[in-house]
C-alpha atoms as a PDB file:
ATOM      1  CA  MET A   1     -25.657  -3.235-101.485  1.00  0.00           C
ATOM      2  CA  VAL A   2     -24.424  -4.383-105.052  1.00  0.00           C
ATOM      3  CA  ASN A   3     -27.217  -4.817-107.369  1.00  0.00           C
ATOM      4  CA  PRO A   4     -27.478  -8.648-107.416  1.00  0.00           C
ATOM      5  CA  TRP A   5     -30.407  -9.049-109.716  1.00  0.00           C
ATOM      6  CA  ASP A   6     -30.354 -10.803-113.000  1.00  0.00           C
ATOM      7  CA  LEU A   7     -33.214  -8.737-114.340  1.00  0.00           C
ATOM      8  CA  PRO A   8     -34.361  -5.237-113.778  1.00  0.00           C
ATOM      9  CA  ALA A   9     -37.420  -4.152-111.749  1.00  0.00           C
ATOM     10  CA  PRO A  10     -37.950  -7.057-109.334  1.00  0.00           C
ATOM     11  CA  PHE A  11     -40.842  -7.402-106.846  1.00  0.00           C
ATOM     12  CA  ILE A  12     -39.127  -8.030-103.774  1.00  0.00           C
ATOM     13  CA  LEU A  13     -40.257  -9.795-100.509  1.00  0.00           C
ATOM     14  CA  GLU A  14     -38.133  -9.241 -97.529  1.00  0.00           C
ATOM     15  CA  LEU A  15     -37.990 -11.898 -94.679  1.00  0.00           C
ATOM     16  CA  ASP A  16     -35.918 -12.871 -91.739  1.00  0.00           C
ATOM     17  CA  VAL A  17     -34.982 -16.800 -91.258  1.00  0.00           C
ATOM     18  CA  GLY A  18     -36.651 -18.071 -88.287  1.00  0.00           C
ATOM     19  CA  GLU A  19     -36.249 -21.306 -86.168  1.00  0.00           C
ATOM     20  CA  GLY A  20     -38.906 -23.187 -87.998  1.00  0.00           C
ATOM     21  CA  ASP A  21     -36.915 -22.960 -91.408  1.00  0.00           C
ATOM     22  CA  ILE A  22     -33.977 -24.505 -90.240  1.00  0.00           C
ATOM     23  CA  ASP A  23     -33.373 -28.261 -90.714  1.00  0.00           C
ATOM     24  CA  GLU A  24     -31.178 -30.953 -88.946  1.00  0.00           C
ATOM     25  CA  LEU A  25     -28.138 -29.678 -91.196  1.00  0.00           C
ATOM     26  CA  GLY A  26     -28.395 -26.320 -89.416  1.00  0.00           C
ATOM     27  CA  HIS A  27     -29.567 -24.284 -92.451  1.00  0.00           C
ATOM     28  CA  VAL A  28     -32.859 -23.417 -94.279  1.00  0.00           C
ATOM     29  CA  ASN A  29     -34.409 -26.582 -95.443  1.00  0.00           C
ATOM     30  CA  HIS A  30     -34.637 -26.977 -99.310  1.00  0.00           C
ATOM     31  CA  SER A  31     -38.694 -27.156 -98.960  1.00  0.00           C
ATOM     32  CA  VAL A  32     -38.738 -23.834 -97.149  1.00  0.00           C
ATOM     33  CA  TYR A  33     -37.438 -21.889-100.147  1.00  0.00           C
ATOM     34  CA  VAL A  34     -40.027 -23.378-102.292  1.00  0.00           C
ATOM     35  CA  LYS A  35     -42.610 -21.863 -99.633  1.00  0.00           C
ATOM     36  CA  TRP A  36     -41.010 -18.631 -99.844  1.00  0.00           C
ATOM     37  CA  LEU A  37     -41.266 -18.567-103.585  1.00  0.00           C
ATOM     38  CA  GLU A  38     -44.937 -19.261-103.724  1.00  0.00           C
ATOM     39  CA  ARG A  39     -45.401 -16.447-100.895  1.00  0.00           C
ATOM     40  CA  CYS A  40     -43.421 -14.038-103.052  1.00  0.00           C
ATOM     41  CA  ALA A  41     -45.429 -14.913-106.144  1.00  0.00           C
ATOM     42  CA  TRP A  42     -48.744 -14.222-104.368  1.00  0.00           C
ATOM     43  CA  SER A  43     -47.444 -11.014-102.715  1.00  0.00           C
ATOM     44  CA  HIS A  44     -46.576  -9.796-106.258  1.00  0.00           C
ATOM     45  CA  SER A  45     -50.076 -10.842-107.372  1.00  0.00           C
ATOM     46  CA  TRP A  46     -51.697  -9.153-104.620  1.00  0.00           C
ATOM     47  CA  ASP A  47     -49.402  -5.975-105.591  1.00  0.00           C
ATOM     48  CA  LEU A  48     -50.852  -6.295-109.161  1.00  0.00           C
ATOM     49  CA  GLY A  49     -54.296  -6.211-107.861  1.00  0.00           C
ATOM     50  CA  ILE A  50     -55.180  -9.974-108.183  1.00  0.00           C
ATOM     51  CA  THR A  51     -56.260 -11.764-105.019  1.00  0.00           C
ATOM     52  CA  PHE A  52     -57.379 -15.241-103.973  1.00  0.00           C
ATOM     53  CA  ALA A  53     -60.937 -13.808-104.084  1.00  0.00           C
ATOM     54  CA  ASP A  54     -60.489 -12.938-107.848  1.00  0.00           C
ATOM     55  CA  TYR A  55     -59.289 -16.504-108.527  1.00  0.00           C
ATOM     56  CA  ARG A  56     -62.246 -18.083-106.928  1.00  0.00           C
ATOM     57  CA  ARG A  57     -64.701 -15.526-108.475  1.00  0.00           C
ATOM     58  CA  SER A  58     -63.371 -16.380-111.981  1.00  0.00           C
ATOM     59  CA  ASP A  59     -63.193 -20.146-111.300  1.00  0.00           C
ATOM     60  CA  ARG A  60     -59.361 -20.045-112.366  1.00  0.00           C
ATOM     61  CA  GLY A  61     -56.067 -20.634-110.624  1.00  0.00           C
ATOM     62  CA  LEU A  62     -52.386 -21.074-111.578  1.00  0.00           C
ATOM     63  CA  ALA A  63     -51.012 -24.324-110.811  1.00  0.00           C
ATOM     64  CA  VAL A  64     -47.367 -25.118-110.802  1.00  0.00           C
ATOM     65  CA  LEU A  65     -46.498 -26.916-113.946  1.00  0.00           C
ATOM     66  CA  ARG A  66     -42.844 -26.986-113.455  1.00  0.00           C
ATOM     67  CA  ASN A  67     -40.258 -25.850-110.751  1.00  0.00           C
ATOM     68  CA  GLU A  68     -36.609 -25.340-111.711  1.00  0.00           C
ATOM     69  CA  VAL A  69     -34.602 -24.700-108.636  1.00  0.00           C
ATOM     70  CA  ASP A  70     -30.819 -24.194-108.386  1.00  0.00           C
ATOM     71  CA  TYR A  71     -29.733 -24.003-104.759  1.00  0.00           C
ATOM     72  CA  LEU A  72     -26.447 -22.159-104.932  1.00  0.00           C
ATOM     73  CA  ALA A  73     -25.509 -21.355-101.128  1.00  0.00           C
ATOM     74  CA  SER A  74     -27.203 -21.824 -97.933  1.00  0.00           C
ATOM     75  CA  ALA A  75     -29.060 -19.421 -95.677  1.00  0.00           C
ATOM     76  CA  TYR A  76     -28.910 -19.470 -91.731  1.00  0.00           C
ATOM     77  CA  LEU A  77     -31.061 -18.503 -88.714  1.00  0.00           C
ATOM     78  CA  GLY A  78     -31.498 -14.948 -88.278  1.00  0.00           C
ATOM     79  CA  GLU A  79     -30.350 -13.946 -91.722  1.00  0.00           C
ATOM     80  CA  ARG A  80     -32.364 -11.101 -93.867  1.00  0.00           C
ATOM     81  CA  LEU A  81     -33.225 -12.517 -97.100  1.00  0.00           C
ATOM     82  CA  LEU A  82     -34.589 -10.705-100.132  1.00  0.00           C
ATOM     83  CA  ILE A  83     -36.877 -12.995-102.529  1.00  0.00           C
ATOM     84  CA  ALA A  84     -37.281 -11.355-105.862  1.00  0.00           C
ATOM     85  CA  THR A  85     -39.531 -12.412-108.893  1.00  0.00           C
ATOM     86  CA  TRP A  86     -40.293 -11.322-112.259  1.00  0.00           C
ATOM     87  CA  ILE A  87     -43.138 -12.327-114.667  1.00  0.00           C
ATOM     88  CA  VAL A  88     -41.133 -13.183-117.976  1.00  0.00           C
ATOM     89  CA  SER A  89     -43.900 -14.557-120.014  1.00  0.00           C
ATOM     90  CA  VAL A  90     -47.713 -14.631-120.173  1.00  0.00           C
ATOM     91  CA  GLN A  91     -49.537 -17.024-122.609  1.00  0.00           C
ATOM     92  CA  ARG A  92     -52.915 -18.134-123.228  1.00  0.00           C
ATOM     93  CA  ILE A  93     -52.756 -20.732-120.516  1.00  0.00           C
ATOM     94  CA  LYS A  94     -49.115 -20.503-119.172  1.00  0.00           C
ATOM     95  CA  LEU A  95     -47.267 -17.778-116.998  1.00  0.00           C
ATOM     96  CA  VAL A  96     -43.564 -18.138-116.263  1.00  0.00           C
ATOM     97  CA  ARG A  97     -41.821 -16.456-113.281  1.00  0.00           C
ATOM     98  CA  HIS A  98     -38.260 -16.199-112.668  1.00  0.00           C
ATOM     99  CA  PHE A  99     -37.021 -16.049-109.009  1.00  0.00           C
ATOM    100  CA  GLN A 100     -33.826 -15.052-107.014  1.00  0.00           C
ATOM    101  CA  VAL A 101     -33.199 -15.388-103.229  1.00  0.00           C
ATOM    102  CA  VAL A 102     -30.473 -13.014-102.016  1.00  0.00           C
ATOM    103  CA  ARG A 103     -28.785 -12.581 -98.631  1.00  0.00           C
ATOM    104  CA  GLU A 104     -28.950  -8.938 -97.737  1.00  0.00           C
ATOM    105  CA  ALA A 105     -25.803  -8.775 -95.670  1.00  0.00           C
ATOM    106  CA  ASP A 106     -23.405  -9.767 -98.656  1.00  0.00           C
ATOM    107  CA  ALA A 107     -25.696  -9.651-101.668  1.00  0.00           C
ATOM    108  CA  ARG A 108     -24.971 -13.297-102.290  1.00  0.00           C
ATOM    109  CA  VAL A 109     -27.680 -15.215-104.577  1.00  0.00           C
ATOM    110  CA  LEU A 110     -28.429 -18.066-102.870  1.00  0.00           C
ATOM    111  CA  LEU A 111     -31.014 -19.629-105.339  1.00  0.00           C
ATOM    112  CA  ARG A 112     -32.297 -19.264-108.737  1.00  0.00           C
ATOM    113  CA  ALA A 113     -35.586 -20.712-109.768  1.00  0.00           C
ATOM    114  CA  ILE A 114     -37.895 -20.833-112.966  1.00  0.00           C
ATOM    115  CA  THR A 115     -41.471 -21.668-112.241  1.00  0.00           C
ATOM    116  CA  THR A 116     -44.021 -22.314-115.118  1.00  0.00           C
ATOM    117  CA  PHE A 117     -47.686 -22.166-114.152  1.00  0.00           C
ATOM    118  CA  ALA A 118     -50.650 -23.471-116.000  1.00  0.00           C
ATOM    119  CA  CYS A 119     -54.132 -21.808-115.642  1.00  0.00           C
ATOM    120  CA  VAL A 120     -56.712 -24.295-114.694  1.00  0.00           C
ATOM    121  CA  GLU A 121     -60.496 -24.071-113.998  1.00  0.00           C
ATOM    122  CA  LEU A 122     -60.818 -24.617-110.060  1.00  0.00           C
ATOM    123  CA  SER A 123     -64.095 -26.403-110.435  1.00  0.00           C
ATOM    124  CA  THR A 124     -62.719 -29.233-112.854  1.00  0.00           C
ATOM    125  CA  GLY A 125     -58.994 -28.856-112.599  1.00  0.00           C
ATOM    126  CA  LYS A 126     -58.745 -28.584-116.423  1.00  0.00           C
ATOM    127  CA  PRO A 127     -56.603 -26.203-118.250  1.00  0.00           C
ATOM    128  CA  LYS A 128     -58.242 -23.094-119.439  1.00  0.00           C
ATOM    129  CA  ARG A 129     -57.456 -19.621-120.742  1.00  0.00           C
ATOM    130  CA  LEU A 130     -55.986 -17.010-118.388  1.00  0.00           C
ATOM    131  CA  PRO A 131     -58.910 -14.572-117.621  1.00  0.00           C
ATOM    132  CA  VAL A 132     -58.508 -11.352-119.634  1.00  0.00           C
ATOM    133  CA  GLU A 133     -58.312  -9.277-116.659  1.00  0.00           C
ATOM    134  CA  PHE A 134     -55.414 -11.212-115.063  1.00  0.00           C
ATOM    135  CA  ALA A 135     -53.425 -11.568-118.375  1.00  0.00           C
ATOM    136  CA  VAL A 136     -53.724  -7.753-118.837  1.00  0.00           C
ATOM    137  CA  ARG A 137     -52.151  -7.190-115.276  1.00  0.00           C
ATOM    138  CA  TYR A 138     -49.496  -9.923-115.409  1.00  0.00           C
ATOM    139  CA  ASP A 139     -48.692  -8.852-118.938  1.00  0.00           C
ATOM    140  CA  GLY A 140     -48.200  -5.303-117.639  1.00  0.00           C
ATOM    141  CA  ALA A 141     -45.567  -6.669-115.334  1.00  0.00           C
ATOM    142  CA  VAL A 142     -43.852  -8.301-118.169  1.00  0.00           C
ATOM    143  CA  GLY A 143     -43.801  -5.134-120.444  1.00  0.00           C
ATOM    144  CA  HIS A 144     -42.359  -3.216-117.501  1.00  0.00           C
ATOM    145  CA  ALA A 145     -39.237  -5.446-117.119  1.00  0.00           C
ATOM    146  CA  ILE A 146     -38.734  -5.639-121.046  1.00  0.00           C
ATOM    147  CA  ALA A 147     -38.948  -1.711-121.270  1.00  0.00           C
ATOM    148  CA  GLU A 148     -36.219  -1.483-118.805  1.00  0.00           C
ATOM    149  CA  VAL A 149     -34.016  -4.222-120.421  1.00  0.00           C
ATOM    150  CA  ASP A 150     -34.463  -2.354-123.873  1.00  0.00           C
ATOM    151  CA  SER A 151     -33.612   1.083-122.232  1.00  0.00           C
ATOM    152  CA  HIS A 152     -30.121  -0.107-121.265  1.00  0.00           C
END
């Protein structure tokens, strides 16, 4: 497969399009892609060693502040998709992820998205600083991608 990724070193979640993902128009419904992006983001967080339990323990969570999604082509029943994510920015309260959805069979980019998260205190819903332990892990993922970009 030709490298379809906009950035180096993606975290990739593979999935197959199921019947429940298809809408009345015969393709994957737009809302399903957003669920897949969330699933990919959580899988990446778990891979970095950050779990739901860690968020609850610290009384913090990352809430979506903004979602920018460009739907470029459709996916259909039975297709294998690759959902990729990169953390591109970690700030005091905000974290930004980029995403791409690619059809494995032809390496076609079906979707590009940017999601901005705000760290909130779970007990109050108010914006709060990202815990240091999370910031270090997330920032490490940013550093890895930047190092690979700089080396080319």
